[in-house]
Amino acid sequence: MMQCLIVSGDREARDLVKVGLEQTGVFEIETAEDGWAFEMVKAKPFRLVVVDTALGGDGVELLRSVRAAMPNAELLLIARDKGDGRPQAKDKQEFGVYAFLPFPIDATEFFKTIARLVDRLNAGAAAAA
């Protein structure tokens, strides 16, 4: 099983993402609010990190920390209001974000995104073997 960290202060968003990832049967999931996320990223080699851009702390700093600590981790962003100055499309290149999940999260699109991501992770694992 692959390690996954979900970082969100929004319980509803965190729960939906957690349920969707658990249904794949691929991920061992931990959740955190922004205060604990920095410490958790340092402690474990997560394969997938889901970050909510509405974090009370600094989402950009968290993305930098994740990318520095785990250059091969996949990142998903839960994208809130595009006008709020938080991480957006330009960060897809800078941080290597796999996909944005618009908020409120559409369950159907979310599950499609997760299915594509799981296929990508499995293909990468098969190629490395």
N, C-alpha and C. Protein backbone atom coordinates (compact mmCIF):
# COMPACT_ATOMS: atom_id res chain seq x y z
N MET A 1 0.84 -1.18 0.00
CA MET A 1 0.00 0.00 0.00
C MET A 1 0.89 1.25 0.00
N MET A 2 0.40 2.27 -0.69
CA MET A 2 1.14 3.52 -0.79
C MET A 2 0.68 4.50 0.27
N GLN A 3 1.63 5.22 0.83
CA GLN A 3 1.34 6.23 1.84
C GLN A 3 0.71 7.47 1.20
N CYS A 4 -0.35 7.98 1.79
CA CYS A 4 -1.02 9.18 1.30
C CYS A 4 -1.30 10.11 2.46
N LEU A 5 -1.09 11.41 2.24
CA LEU A 5 -1.40 12.43 3.23
C LEU A 5 -2.41 13.39 2.64
N ILE A 6 -3.49 13.63 3.37
CA ILE A 6 -4.51 14.61 2.98
C ILE A 6 -4.40 15.78 3.95
N VAL A 7 -4.15 16.97 3.42
CA VAL A 7 -3.99 18.16 4.26
C VAL A 7 -5.12 19.14 3.94
N SER A 8 -6.04 19.27 4.87
CA SER A 8 -7.16 20.18 4.67
C SER A 8 -7.77 20.53 6.02
N GLY A 9 -8.14 21.78 6.18
CA GLY A 9 -8.84 22.20 7.37
C GLY A 9 -10.34 22.01 7.25
N ASP A 10 -10.81 21.66 6.05
CA ASP A 10 -12.23 21.47 5.77
C ASP A 10 -12.56 19.98 5.93
N ARG A 11 -13.24 19.66 7.00
CA ARG A 11 -13.54 18.25 7.32
C ARG A 11 -14.32 17.55 6.19
N GLU A 12 -15.28 18.25 5.61
CA GLU A 12 -16.08 17.65 4.53
C GLU A 12 -15.21 17.29 3.33
N ALA A 13 -14.36 18.21 2.91
CA ALA A 13 -13.46 17.94 1.79
C ALA A 13 -12.50 16.81 2.14
N ARG A 14 -11.95 16.85 3.34
CA ARG A 14 -11.00 15.81 3.78
C ARG A 14 -11.66 14.44 3.80
N ASP A 15 -12.90 14.37 4.30
CA ASP A 15 -13.61 13.09 4.38
C ASP A 15 -13.93 12.54 2.99
N LEU A 16 -14.37 13.41 2.07
CA LEU A 16 -14.69 12.95 0.72
C LEU A 16 -13.44 12.40 0.03
N VAL A 17 -12.34 13.12 0.15
CA VAL A 17 -11.09 12.66 -0.47
C VAL A 17 -10.65 11.35 0.17
N LYS A 18 -10.74 11.26 1.48
CA LYS A 18 -10.33 10.04 2.17
C LYS A 18 -11.16 8.84 1.72
N VAL A 19 -12.47 9.00 1.66
CA VAL A 19 -13.34 7.89 1.23
C VAL A 19 -13.00 7.47 -0.20
N GLY A 20 -12.83 8.45 -1.08
CA GLY A 20 -12.48 8.13 -2.47
C GLY A 20 -11.17 7.37 -2.60
N LEU A 21 -10.18 7.78 -1.84
CA LEU A 21 -8.89 7.10 -1.89
C LEU A 21 -8.94 5.73 -1.25
N GLU A 22 -9.70 5.60 -0.16
CA GLU A 22 -9.84 4.29 0.49
C GLU A 22 -10.49 3.27 -0.43
N GLN A 23 -11.43 3.73 -1.27
CA GLN A 23 -12.13 2.81 -2.17
C GLN A 23 -11.21 2.20 -3.22
N THR A 24 -10.10 2.84 -3.50
CA THR A 24 -9.16 2.26 -4.47
C THR A 24 -8.45 1.05 -3.89
N GLY A 25 -8.33 0.98 -2.57
CA GLY A 25 -7.62 -0.11 -1.93
C GLY A 25 -6.12 -0.02 -2.09
N VAL A 26 -5.62 1.11 -2.58
CA VAL A 26 -4.20 1.27 -2.90
C VAL A 26 -3.46 2.07 -1.83
N PHE A 27 -4.18 2.95 -1.13
CA PHE A 27 -3.53 3.91 -0.26
C PHE A 27 -3.75 3.65 1.23
N GLU A 28 -2.69 3.85 2.00
CA GLU A 28 -2.79 3.93 3.45
C GLU A 28 -2.82 5.42 3.74
N ILE A 29 -3.90 5.90 4.33
CA ILE A 29 -4.17 7.34 4.38
C ILE A 29 -4.01 7.91 5.78
N GLU A 30 -3.36 9.06 5.83
CA GLU A 30 -3.30 9.86 7.04
C GLU A 30 -3.85 11.23 6.70
N THR A 31 -4.44 11.90 7.67
CA THR A 31 -4.96 13.25 7.44
C THR A 31 -4.33 14.22 8.42
N ALA A 32 -4.28 15.48 8.02
CA ALA A 32 -3.72 16.51 8.88
C ALA A 32 -4.35 17.85 8.54
N GLU A 33 -4.37 18.71 9.53
CA GLU A 33 -4.69 20.10 9.27
C GLU A 33 -3.36 20.79 9.09
N ASP A 34 -3.37 22.03 8.64
CA ASP A 34 -2.13 22.68 8.23
C ASP A 34 -1.04 22.70 9.29
N GLY A 35 -1.36 22.82 10.56
CA GLY A 35 -0.35 22.89 11.60
C GLY A 35 0.54 21.66 11.68
N TRP A 36 -0.02 20.49 11.43
CA TRP A 36 0.74 19.24 11.54
C TRP A 36 1.36 18.80 10.23
N ALA A 37 0.92 19.37 9.13
CA ALA A 37 1.34 18.88 7.83
C ALA A 37 2.85 18.95 7.63
N PHE A 38 3.49 20.05 8.03
CA PHE A 38 4.94 20.18 7.86
C PHE A 38 5.68 19.04 8.56
N GLU A 39 5.26 18.73 9.78
CA GLU A 39 5.93 17.67 10.53
C GLU A 39 5.69 16.29 9.91
N MET A 40 4.47 16.06 9.43
CA MET A 40 4.16 14.76 8.84
C MET A 40 4.94 14.55 7.55
N VAL A 41 5.09 15.61 6.76
CA VAL A 41 5.83 15.51 5.50
C VAL A 41 7.29 15.13 5.77
N LYS A 42 7.84 15.64 6.85
CA LYS A 42 9.23 15.32 7.21
C LYS A 42 9.37 13.89 7.73
N ALA A 43 8.29 13.35 8.31
CA ALA A 43 8.37 12.07 9.00
C ALA A 43 8.19 10.85 8.10
N LYS A 44 7.46 10.97 7.01
CA LYS A 44 7.14 9.79 6.19
C LYS A 44 7.31 10.07 4.71
N PRO A 45 7.64 9.04 3.97
CA PRO A 45 7.74 9.20 2.51
C PRO A 45 6.40 8.98 1.82
N PHE A 46 5.54 9.99 1.85
CA PHE A 46 4.23 9.85 1.23
C PHE A 46 4.37 9.78 -0.28
N ARG A 47 3.57 8.92 -0.91
CA ARG A 47 3.57 8.78 -2.37
C ARG A 47 2.60 9.76 -3.00
N LEU A 48 1.56 10.13 -2.23
CA LEU A 48 0.55 11.08 -2.70
C LEU A 48 0.25 12.06 -1.58
N VAL A 49 0.22 13.35 -1.92
CA VAL A 49 -0.15 14.37 -0.95
C VAL A 49 -1.26 15.21 -1.59
N VAL A 50 -2.39 15.31 -0.89
CA VAL A 50 -3.52 16.12 -1.34
C VAL A 50 -3.54 17.36 -0.46
N VAL A 51 -3.45 18.54 -1.09
CA VAL A 51 -3.37 19.81 -0.34
C VAL A 51 -4.56 20.69 -0.72
N ASP A 52 -5.26 21.17 0.30
CA ASP A 52 -6.36 22.11 0.11
C ASP A 52 -5.77 23.52 0.08
N THR A 53 -6.03 24.28 -0.98
CA THR A 53 -5.45 25.61 -1.10
C THR A 53 -6.04 26.61 -0.13
N ALA A 54 -7.09 26.23 0.60
CA ALA A 54 -7.69 27.13 1.58
C ALA A 54 -7.08 26.94 2.96
N LEU A 55 -5.88 26.40 3.03
CA LEU A 55 -5.23 26.19 4.31
C LEU A 55 -5.11 27.49 5.08
N GLY A 56 -5.25 27.40 6.38
CA GLY A 56 -5.06 28.58 7.20
C GLY A 56 -3.62 29.04 7.19
N GLY A 57 -2.69 28.12 7.02
CA GLY A 57 -1.26 28.45 6.96
C GLY A 57 -0.86 28.77 5.54
N ASP A 58 0.37 28.52 5.23
CA ASP A 58 0.91 28.86 3.93
C ASP A 58 0.97 27.62 3.03
N GLY A 59 -0.02 27.47 2.16
CA GLY A 59 -0.07 26.32 1.27
C GLY A 59 1.11 26.25 0.32
N VAL A 60 1.62 27.40 -0.11
CA VAL A 60 2.76 27.42 -1.02
C VAL A 60 4.00 26.88 -0.32
N GLU A 61 4.21 27.27 0.94
CA GLU A 61 5.36 26.76 1.69
C GLU A 61 5.23 25.26 1.89
N LEU A 62 4.01 24.78 2.15
CA LEU A 62 3.81 23.34 2.30
C LEU A 62 4.16 22.63 1.00
N LEU A 63 3.72 23.16 -0.14
CA LEU A 63 4.06 22.55 -1.41
C LEU A 63 5.57 22.50 -1.62
N ARG A 64 6.25 23.58 -1.27
CA ARG A 64 7.72 23.59 -1.39
C ARG A 64 8.36 22.52 -0.50
N SER A 65 7.86 22.40 0.70
CA SER A 65 8.39 21.40 1.63
C SER A 65 8.16 19.98 1.12
N VAL A 66 6.96 19.74 0.61
CA VAL A 66 6.64 18.42 0.06
C VAL A 66 7.56 18.11 -1.10
N ARG A 67 7.69 19.04 -2.02
CA ARG A 67 8.50 18.80 -3.21
C ARG A 67 9.97 18.60 -2.84
N ALA A 68 10.47 19.36 -1.86
CA ALA A 68 11.86 19.21 -1.43
C ALA A 68 12.10 17.87 -0.72
N ALA A 69 11.16 17.49 0.14
CA ALA A 69 11.31 16.25 0.90
C ALA A 69 11.00 15.01 0.07
N MET A 70 10.07 15.15 -0.87
CA MET A 70 9.62 13.99 -1.66
C MET A 70 9.50 14.38 -3.13
N PRO A 71 10.59 14.45 -3.84
CA PRO A 71 10.53 14.90 -5.24
C PRO A 71 9.69 14.01 -6.15
N ASN A 72 9.46 12.76 -5.75
CA ASN A 72 8.69 11.85 -6.60
C ASN A 72 7.24 11.70 -6.16
N ALA A 73 6.83 12.42 -5.12
CA ALA A 73 5.44 12.33 -4.66
C ALA A 73 4.51 12.98 -5.68
N GLU A 74 3.32 12.43 -5.80
CA GLU A 74 2.29 13.04 -6.64
C GLU A 74 1.53 14.03 -5.76
N LEU A 75 1.15 15.16 -6.34
CA LEU A 75 0.42 16.18 -5.61
C LEU A 75 -0.93 16.43 -6.27
N LEU A 76 -1.97 16.49 -5.47
CA LEU A 76 -3.29 16.92 -5.92
C LEU A 76 -3.64 18.16 -5.11
N LEU A 77 -4.19 19.17 -5.78
CA LEU A 77 -4.62 20.38 -5.08
C LEU A 77 -6.13 20.49 -5.13
N ILE A 78 -6.73 20.77 -3.97
CA ILE A 78 -8.14 21.12 -3.93
C ILE A 78 -8.15 22.63 -4.12
N ALA A 79 -8.58 23.09 -5.28
CA ALA A 79 -8.49 24.50 -5.66
C ALA A 79 -9.75 25.25 -5.25
N ARG A 80 -9.56 26.27 -4.47
CA ARG A 80 -10.67 27.11 -4.04
C ARG A 80 -10.81 28.28 -5.00
N ASP A 81 -11.23 29.44 -4.52
CA ASP A 81 -11.44 30.63 -5.33
C ASP A 81 -10.17 31.02 -6.07
N LYS A 82 -10.24 31.14 -7.39
CA LYS A 82 -9.06 31.45 -8.19
C LYS A 82 -8.51 32.85 -7.95
N GLY A 83 -9.30 33.73 -7.35
CA GLY A 83 -8.84 35.09 -7.14
C GLY A 83 -8.23 35.33 -5.77
N ASP A 84 -7.97 34.25 -5.00
CA ASP A 84 -7.52 34.46 -3.63
C ASP A 84 -6.01 34.49 -3.46
N GLY A 85 -5.24 34.38 -4.55
CA GLY A 85 -3.79 34.45 -4.44
C GLY A 85 -3.15 33.15 -3.96
N ARG A 86 -3.92 32.13 -3.82
CA ARG A 86 -3.39 30.84 -3.38
C ARG A 86 -2.82 30.09 -4.59
N PRO A 87 -2.22 28.92 -4.37
CA PRO A 87 -1.65 28.16 -5.49
C PRO A 87 -2.67 27.92 -6.61
N GLN A 88 -2.28 28.17 -7.83
CA GLN A 88 -3.18 27.99 -8.97
C GLN A 88 -2.42 27.33 -10.12
N ALA A 89 -2.86 27.56 -11.34
CA ALA A 89 -2.32 26.87 -12.51
C ALA A 89 -0.81 27.03 -12.66
N LYS A 90 -0.27 28.21 -12.36
CA LYS A 90 1.18 28.40 -12.50
C LYS A 90 1.94 27.44 -11.59
N ASP A 91 1.32 27.05 -10.48
CA ASP A 91 1.97 26.15 -9.55
C ASP A 91 1.98 24.71 -10.04
N LYS A 92 1.15 24.42 -11.04
CA LYS A 92 1.15 23.07 -11.59
C LYS A 92 2.53 22.74 -12.14
N GLN A 93 3.15 23.70 -12.81
CA GLN A 93 4.49 23.48 -13.33
C GLN A 93 5.54 23.59 -12.23
N GLU A 94 5.45 24.64 -11.42
CA GLU A 94 6.47 24.87 -10.40
C GLU A 94 6.58 23.71 -9.41
N PHE A 95 5.45 23.18 -8.99
CA PHE A 95 5.46 22.14 -7.98
C PHE A 95 5.18 20.75 -8.53
N GLY A 96 4.94 20.63 -9.82
CA GLY A 96 4.65 19.33 -10.40
C GLY A 96 3.33 18.76 -9.93
N VAL A 97 2.31 19.60 -9.86
CA VAL A 97 0.99 19.16 -9.40
C VAL A 97 0.35 18.27 -10.47
N TYR A 98 -0.14 17.11 -10.05
CA TYR A 98 -0.78 16.19 -10.99
C TYR A 98 -2.12 16.73 -11.48
N ALA A 99 -2.95 17.23 -10.56
CA ALA A 99 -4.28 17.72 -10.95
C ALA A 99 -4.84 18.64 -9.88
N PHE A 100 -5.78 19.47 -10.33
CA PHE A 100 -6.54 20.33 -9.43
C PHE A 100 -7.93 19.73 -9.26
N LEU A 101 -8.43 19.73 -8.05
CA LEU A 101 -9.79 19.29 -7.77
C LEU A 101 -10.56 20.54 -7.39
N PRO A 102 -11.43 21.05 -8.27
CA PRO A 102 -12.16 22.27 -7.94
C PRO A 102 -13.09 22.04 -6.75
N PHE A 103 -13.21 23.07 -5.92
CA PHE A 103 -14.09 23.01 -4.77
C PHE A 103 -15.35 23.79 -5.05
N PRO A 104 -16.55 23.32 -4.75
CA PRO A 104 -16.78 22.04 -4.08
C PRO A 104 -16.43 20.87 -4.99
N ILE A 105 -15.98 19.80 -4.38
CA ILE A 105 -15.49 18.64 -5.12
C ILE A 105 -16.67 17.91 -5.76
N ASP A 106 -16.57 17.70 -7.07
CA ASP A 106 -17.55 16.90 -7.81
C ASP A 106 -17.10 15.44 -7.69
N ALA A 107 -17.90 14.62 -7.03
CA ALA A 107 -17.51 13.23 -6.74
C ALA A 107 -17.16 12.45 -8.00
N THR A 108 -17.93 12.60 -9.07
CA THR A 108 -17.67 11.85 -10.29
C THR A 108 -16.31 12.22 -10.88
N GLU A 109 -16.04 13.51 -11.01
CA GLU A 109 -14.75 13.96 -11.55
C GLU A 109 -13.60 13.56 -10.63
N PHE A 110 -13.83 13.63 -9.34
CA PHE A 110 -12.81 13.24 -8.38
C PHE A 110 -12.43 11.77 -8.57
N PHE A 111 -13.44 10.90 -8.67
CA PHE A 111 -13.15 9.47 -8.82
C PHE A 111 -12.45 9.18 -10.14
N LYS A 112 -12.80 9.90 -11.20
CA LYS A 112 -12.09 9.74 -12.48
C LYS A 112 -10.63 10.15 -12.34
N THR A 113 -10.39 11.27 -11.66
CA THR A 113 -9.02 11.74 -11.46
C THR A 113 -8.22 10.72 -10.66
N ILE A 114 -8.81 10.18 -9.60
CA ILE A 114 -8.13 9.20 -8.77
C ILE A 114 -7.84 7.93 -9.57
N ALA A 115 -8.79 7.49 -10.39
CA ALA A 115 -8.57 6.29 -11.21
C ALA A 115 -7.39 6.50 -12.16
N ARG A 116 -7.31 7.68 -12.80
CA ARG A 116 -6.18 7.97 -13.69
C ARG A 116 -4.86 8.00 -12.91
N LEU A 117 -4.90 8.58 -11.72
CA LEU A 117 -3.70 8.67 -10.91
C LEU A 117 -3.23 7.28 -10.47
N VAL A 118 -4.15 6.44 -10.05
CA VAL A 118 -3.79 5.08 -9.63
C VAL A 118 -3.18 4.32 -10.81
N ASP A 119 -3.76 4.47 -12.01
CA ASP A 119 -3.18 3.83 -13.20
C ASP A 119 -1.76 4.33 -13.43
N ARG A 120 -1.55 5.63 -13.28
CA ARG A 120 -0.22 6.21 -13.47
C ARG A 120 0.77 5.67 -12.44
N LEU A 121 0.35 5.63 -11.18
CA LEU A 121 1.23 5.12 -10.12
C LEU A 121 1.55 3.64 -10.34
N ASN A 122 0.55 2.86 -10.73
CA ASN A 122 0.78 1.44 -10.99
C ASN A 122 1.72 1.23 -12.18
N ALA A 123 1.56 2.04 -13.22
CA ALA A 123 2.43 1.93 -14.39
C ALA A 123 3.87 2.29 -14.01
N GLY A 124 4.03 3.31 -13.17
CA GLY A 124 5.37 3.69 -12.72
C GLY A 124 6.01 2.61 -11.87
N ALA A 125 5.21 1.97 -11.01
CA ALA A 125 5.73 0.89 -10.17
C ALA A 125 6.11 -0.31 -11.01
N ALA A 126 5.32 -0.62 -12.03
CA ALA A 126 5.61 -1.75 -12.91
C ALA A 126 6.88 -1.49 -13.73
N ALA A 127 7.06 -0.26 -14.18
CA ALA A 127 8.25 0.09 -14.96
C ALA A 127 9.50 0.02 -14.10
N ALA A 128 9.38 0.35 -12.81
CA ALA A 128 10.54 0.34 -11.92
C ALA A 128 10.93 -1.08 -11.51
N ALA A 129 9.99 -2.01 -11.63
CA ALA A 129 10.26 -3.41 -11.21
C ALA A 129 11.01 -4.19 -12.22
